[in-house]
């Protein structure tokens, strides 16, 4: 399994190839930085996602150094399900 840092680095390299000089981040890195700004170390997470996606999300936040107290999702697979279409 590829680490979060390696995934972020790979995505950033690809973005820079396509659009040199464009700032790049991802939701886990952005959320982790915001949580650190609040000095959070233990978090609970609510998502629209399935358990499988939430497990990967929890692993990513744990790799960033956060303790996951709870993670729950609505079990949605597709964005259109969230929009009620």
N, C-alpha and C. Protein backbone atom coordinates (compact mmCIF):
# COMPACT_ATOMS: atom_id res chain seq x y z
N UNK A 1 0.84 -1.18 0.00
CA UNK A 1 0.00 0.00 0.00
C UNK A 1 0.88 1.24 0.00
N UNK A 2 0.53 2.21 -0.82
CA UNK A 2 1.28 3.44 -0.94
C UNK A 2 0.91 4.38 0.21
N UNK A 3 1.93 5.02 0.81
CA UNK A 3 1.67 5.94 1.92
C UNK A 3 0.97 7.20 1.42
N UNK A 4 0.33 7.91 2.36
CA UNK A 4 -0.34 9.17 2.00
C UNK A 4 0.63 10.17 1.40
N UNK A 5 1.83 10.25 1.96
CA UNK A 5 2.82 11.20 1.44
C UNK A 5 3.18 10.86 0.00
N UNK A 6 3.38 9.58 -0.28
CA UNK A 6 3.74 9.18 -1.64
C UNK A 6 2.59 9.44 -2.61
N UNK A 7 1.35 9.18 -2.16
CA UNK A 7 0.19 9.45 -3.01
C UNK A 7 0.10 10.94 -3.30
N UNK A 8 0.25 11.77 -2.27
CA UNK A 8 0.18 13.22 -2.44
C UNK A 8 1.28 13.71 -3.36
N UNK A 9 2.49 13.19 -3.18
CA UNK A 9 3.61 13.57 -4.03
C UNK A 9 3.35 13.19 -5.48
N UNK A 10 2.81 11.99 -5.70
CA UNK A 10 2.54 11.53 -7.06
C UNK A 10 1.49 12.41 -7.73
N UNK A 11 0.41 12.71 -7.01
CA UNK A 11 -0.64 13.57 -7.56
C UNK A 11 -0.07 14.95 -7.87
N UNK A 12 0.70 15.50 -6.93
CA UNK A 12 1.27 16.83 -7.16
C UNK A 12 2.19 16.83 -8.38
N UNK A 13 3.01 15.80 -8.54
CA UNK A 13 3.89 15.73 -9.72
C UNK A 13 3.07 15.72 -11.00
N UNK A 14 2.00 14.93 -11.03
CA UNK A 14 1.16 14.85 -12.22
C UNK A 14 0.47 16.18 -12.52
N UNK A 15 -0.01 16.85 -11.48
CA UNK A 15 -0.63 18.16 -11.67
C UNK A 15 0.40 19.15 -12.21
N UNK A 16 1.62 19.13 -11.66
CA UNK A 16 2.66 20.06 -12.10
C UNK A 16 3.08 19.81 -13.55
N UNK A 17 3.02 18.56 -13.98
CA UNK A 17 3.31 18.26 -15.39
C UNK A 17 2.25 18.89 -16.28
N UNK A 18 0.99 18.73 -15.88
CA UNK A 18 -0.12 19.25 -16.68
C UNK A 18 -0.27 20.76 -16.57
N UNK A 19 -0.05 21.30 -15.37
CA UNK A 19 -0.25 22.73 -15.10
C UNK A 19 0.87 23.25 -14.20
N UNK A 20 2.05 23.50 -14.76
CA UNK A 20 3.18 23.95 -13.94
C UNK A 20 2.84 25.19 -13.10
N UNK A 21 3.24 25.13 -11.84
CA UNK A 21 3.08 26.27 -10.95
C UNK A 21 1.74 26.36 -10.23
N UNK A 22 0.82 25.44 -10.54
CA UNK A 22 -0.50 25.47 -9.90
C UNK A 22 -0.41 24.83 -8.51
N UNK A 23 -0.90 25.50 -7.47
CA UNK A 23 -0.89 24.89 -6.13
C UNK A 23 -1.74 23.62 -6.14
N UNK A 24 -1.34 22.64 -5.34
CA UNK A 24 -2.04 21.36 -5.33
C UNK A 24 -2.14 20.82 -3.91
N UNK A 25 -3.30 20.29 -3.59
CA UNK A 25 -3.50 19.60 -2.32
C UNK A 25 -4.53 18.51 -2.55
N UNK A 26 -4.92 17.83 -1.49
CA UNK A 26 -6.00 16.86 -1.58
C UNK A 26 -6.82 16.97 -0.29
N UNK A 27 -8.00 16.38 -0.26
CA UNK A 27 -8.87 16.56 0.91
C UNK A 27 -8.26 16.10 2.23
N UNK A 28 -7.52 15.01 2.24
CA UNK A 28 -6.92 14.52 3.49
C UNK A 28 -5.85 15.49 3.99
N UNK A 29 -4.98 15.92 3.10
CA UNK A 29 -3.93 16.86 3.50
C UNK A 29 -4.54 18.18 3.96
N UNK A 30 -5.51 18.69 3.22
CA UNK A 30 -6.14 19.96 3.59
C UNK A 30 -6.86 19.85 4.93
N UNK A 31 -7.63 18.78 5.11
CA UNK A 31 -8.35 18.59 6.38
C UNK A 31 -7.38 18.40 7.53
N UNK A 32 -6.30 17.65 7.30
CA UNK A 32 -5.31 17.42 8.35
C UNK A 32 -4.65 18.72 8.78
N UNK A 33 -4.31 19.56 7.82
CA UNK A 33 -3.70 20.86 8.15
C UNK A 33 -4.68 21.72 8.94
N UNK A 34 -5.94 21.72 8.54
CA UNK A 34 -6.94 22.51 9.26
C UNK A 34 -7.13 21.97 10.68
N UNK A 35 -7.18 20.67 10.83
CA UNK A 35 -7.33 20.07 12.16
C UNK A 35 -6.13 20.39 13.05
N UNK A 36 -4.93 20.36 12.47
CA UNK A 36 -3.74 20.71 13.24
C UNK A 36 -3.76 22.17 13.68
N UNK A 37 -4.32 23.03 12.83
CA UNK A 37 -4.42 24.45 13.20
C UNK A 37 -5.27 24.63 14.45
N UNK A 38 -6.21 23.73 14.66
CA UNK A 38 -7.05 23.75 15.87
C UNK A 38 -6.48 22.86 16.98
N UNK A 39 -5.28 22.32 16.73
CA UNK A 39 -4.59 21.44 17.67
C UNK A 39 -5.40 20.18 17.99
N UNK A 40 -6.19 19.73 17.02
CA UNK A 40 -6.96 18.50 17.19
C UNK A 40 -6.03 17.29 17.06
N UNK A 41 -6.24 16.31 17.89
CA UNK A 41 -5.48 15.06 17.79
C UNK A 41 -6.42 13.85 17.72
N UNK A 42 -7.63 14.03 18.23
CA UNK A 42 -8.64 12.96 18.24
C UNK A 42 -9.87 13.49 17.50
N UNK A 43 -10.35 12.72 16.51
CA UNK A 43 -11.44 13.22 15.69
C UNK A 43 -12.54 12.17 15.50
N UNK A 44 -13.73 12.66 15.25
CA UNK A 44 -14.86 11.85 14.80
C UNK A 44 -15.20 12.34 13.41
N UNK A 45 -15.60 11.41 12.53
CA UNK A 45 -15.82 11.74 11.14
C UNK A 45 -17.20 11.24 10.70
N UNK A 46 -17.95 12.10 10.00
CA UNK A 46 -19.23 11.74 9.40
C UNK A 46 -19.12 12.01 7.91
N UNK A 47 -19.43 11.01 7.09
CA UNK A 47 -19.31 11.15 5.64
C UNK A 47 -20.56 10.61 4.95
N UNK A 48 -20.69 10.89 3.67
CA UNK A 48 -21.77 10.27 2.90
C UNK A 48 -21.37 8.88 2.39
N UNK A 49 -20.17 8.43 2.68
CA UNK A 49 -19.57 7.26 2.05
C UNK A 49 -20.00 5.91 2.63
N UNK A 50 -19.58 4.86 1.93
CA UNK A 50 -19.78 3.49 2.38
C UNK A 50 -18.72 3.14 3.43
N UNK A 51 -18.92 2.02 4.13
CA UNK A 51 -17.95 1.57 5.13
C UNK A 51 -16.58 1.33 4.52
N UNK A 52 -16.54 0.79 3.31
CA UNK A 52 -15.26 0.51 2.64
C UNK A 52 -14.47 1.80 2.42
N UNK A 53 -15.15 2.82 1.94
CA UNK A 53 -14.49 4.11 1.72
C UNK A 53 -14.09 4.72 3.06
N UNK A 54 -14.95 4.61 4.05
CA UNK A 54 -14.64 5.16 5.37
C UNK A 54 -13.45 4.48 6.02
N UNK A 55 -13.28 3.19 5.79
CA UNK A 55 -12.11 2.49 6.34
C UNK A 55 -10.83 3.08 5.76
N UNK A 56 -10.82 3.32 4.46
CA UNK A 56 -9.64 3.92 3.81
C UNK A 56 -9.42 5.35 4.32
N UNK A 57 -10.51 6.08 4.51
CA UNK A 57 -10.43 7.44 5.04
C UNK A 57 -9.86 7.44 6.44
N UNK A 58 -10.33 6.52 7.28
CA UNK A 58 -9.82 6.41 8.65
C UNK A 58 -8.33 6.07 8.64
N UNK A 59 -7.94 5.14 7.77
CA UNK A 59 -6.52 4.79 7.66
C UNK A 59 -5.68 6.00 7.28
N UNK A 60 -6.21 6.81 6.36
CA UNK A 60 -5.47 8.00 5.91
C UNK A 60 -5.30 9.00 7.04
N UNK A 61 -6.37 9.24 7.81
CA UNK A 61 -6.26 10.17 8.93
C UNK A 61 -5.35 9.62 10.03
N UNK A 62 -5.40 8.31 10.26
CA UNK A 62 -4.49 7.72 11.24
C UNK A 62 -3.04 7.86 10.79
N UNK A 63 -2.79 7.69 9.49
CA UNK A 63 -1.44 7.87 8.96
C UNK A 63 -0.96 9.30 9.12
N UNK A 64 -1.90 10.23 9.17
CA UNK A 64 -1.57 11.64 9.40
C UNK A 64 -1.38 11.94 10.89
N UNK A 65 -1.61 10.93 11.75
CA UNK A 65 -1.35 11.09 13.18
C UNK A 65 -2.57 11.34 14.04
N UNK A 66 -3.77 11.19 13.48
CA UNK A 66 -4.99 11.44 14.25
C UNK A 66 -5.55 10.13 14.81
N UNK A 67 -6.11 10.23 16.00
CA UNK A 67 -6.85 9.12 16.59
C UNK A 67 -8.31 9.26 16.15
N UNK A 68 -8.85 8.20 15.56
CA UNK A 68 -10.23 8.22 15.08
C UNK A 68 -11.11 7.68 16.21
N UNK A 69 -11.96 8.53 16.75
CA UNK A 69 -12.86 8.11 17.82
C UNK A 69 -14.08 7.39 17.24
N UNK A 70 -14.64 7.94 16.17
CA UNK A 70 -15.80 7.37 15.49
C UNK A 70 -15.72 7.75 14.03
N UNK A 71 -16.22 6.85 13.17
CA UNK A 71 -16.40 7.19 11.77
C UNK A 71 -17.67 6.51 11.30
N UNK A 72 -18.57 7.30 10.74
CA UNK A 72 -19.86 6.80 10.27
C UNK A 72 -20.15 7.39 8.90
N UNK A 73 -20.89 6.63 8.10
CA UNK A 73 -21.27 7.13 6.78
C UNK A 73 -22.71 6.81 6.47
N UNK A 74 -23.21 7.47 5.44
CA UNK A 74 -24.58 7.26 5.00
C UNK A 74 -24.69 6.12 3.98
N UNK A 75 -23.56 5.53 3.59
CA UNK A 75 -23.57 4.39 2.69
C UNK A 75 -23.81 4.72 1.23
N UNK A 76 -23.54 5.95 0.83
CA UNK A 76 -23.78 6.36 -0.56
C UNK A 76 -22.57 6.05 -1.43
N UNK A 77 -22.83 5.52 -2.60
CA UNK A 77 -21.76 5.21 -3.54
C UNK A 77 -21.54 6.31 -4.56
N UNK A 78 -22.60 7.02 -4.93
CA UNK A 78 -22.50 7.96 -6.04
C UNK A 78 -23.01 9.34 -5.64
N UNK A 79 -22.40 10.37 -6.18
CA UNK A 79 -22.79 11.73 -5.90
C UNK A 79 -24.25 12.00 -6.22
N UNK A 80 -24.75 11.36 -7.27
CA UNK A 80 -26.17 11.59 -7.64
C UNK A 80 -27.10 11.09 -6.54
N UNK A 81 -26.68 10.09 -5.77
CA UNK A 81 -27.51 9.61 -4.65
C UNK A 81 -27.61 10.66 -3.56
N UNK A 82 -26.57 11.41 -3.38
CA UNK A 82 -26.56 12.47 -2.37
C UNK A 82 -27.46 13.63 -2.78
N UNK A 83 -27.55 13.85 -4.07
CA UNK A 83 -28.37 14.95 -4.57
C UNK A 83 -29.84 14.59 -4.66
N UNK A 84 -30.17 13.32 -4.44
CA UNK A 84 -31.56 12.88 -4.48
C UNK A 84 -32.10 12.70 -5.88
N UNK A 85 -31.20 12.53 -6.84
CA UNK A 85 -31.63 12.35 -8.24
C UNK A 85 -31.70 10.90 -8.60
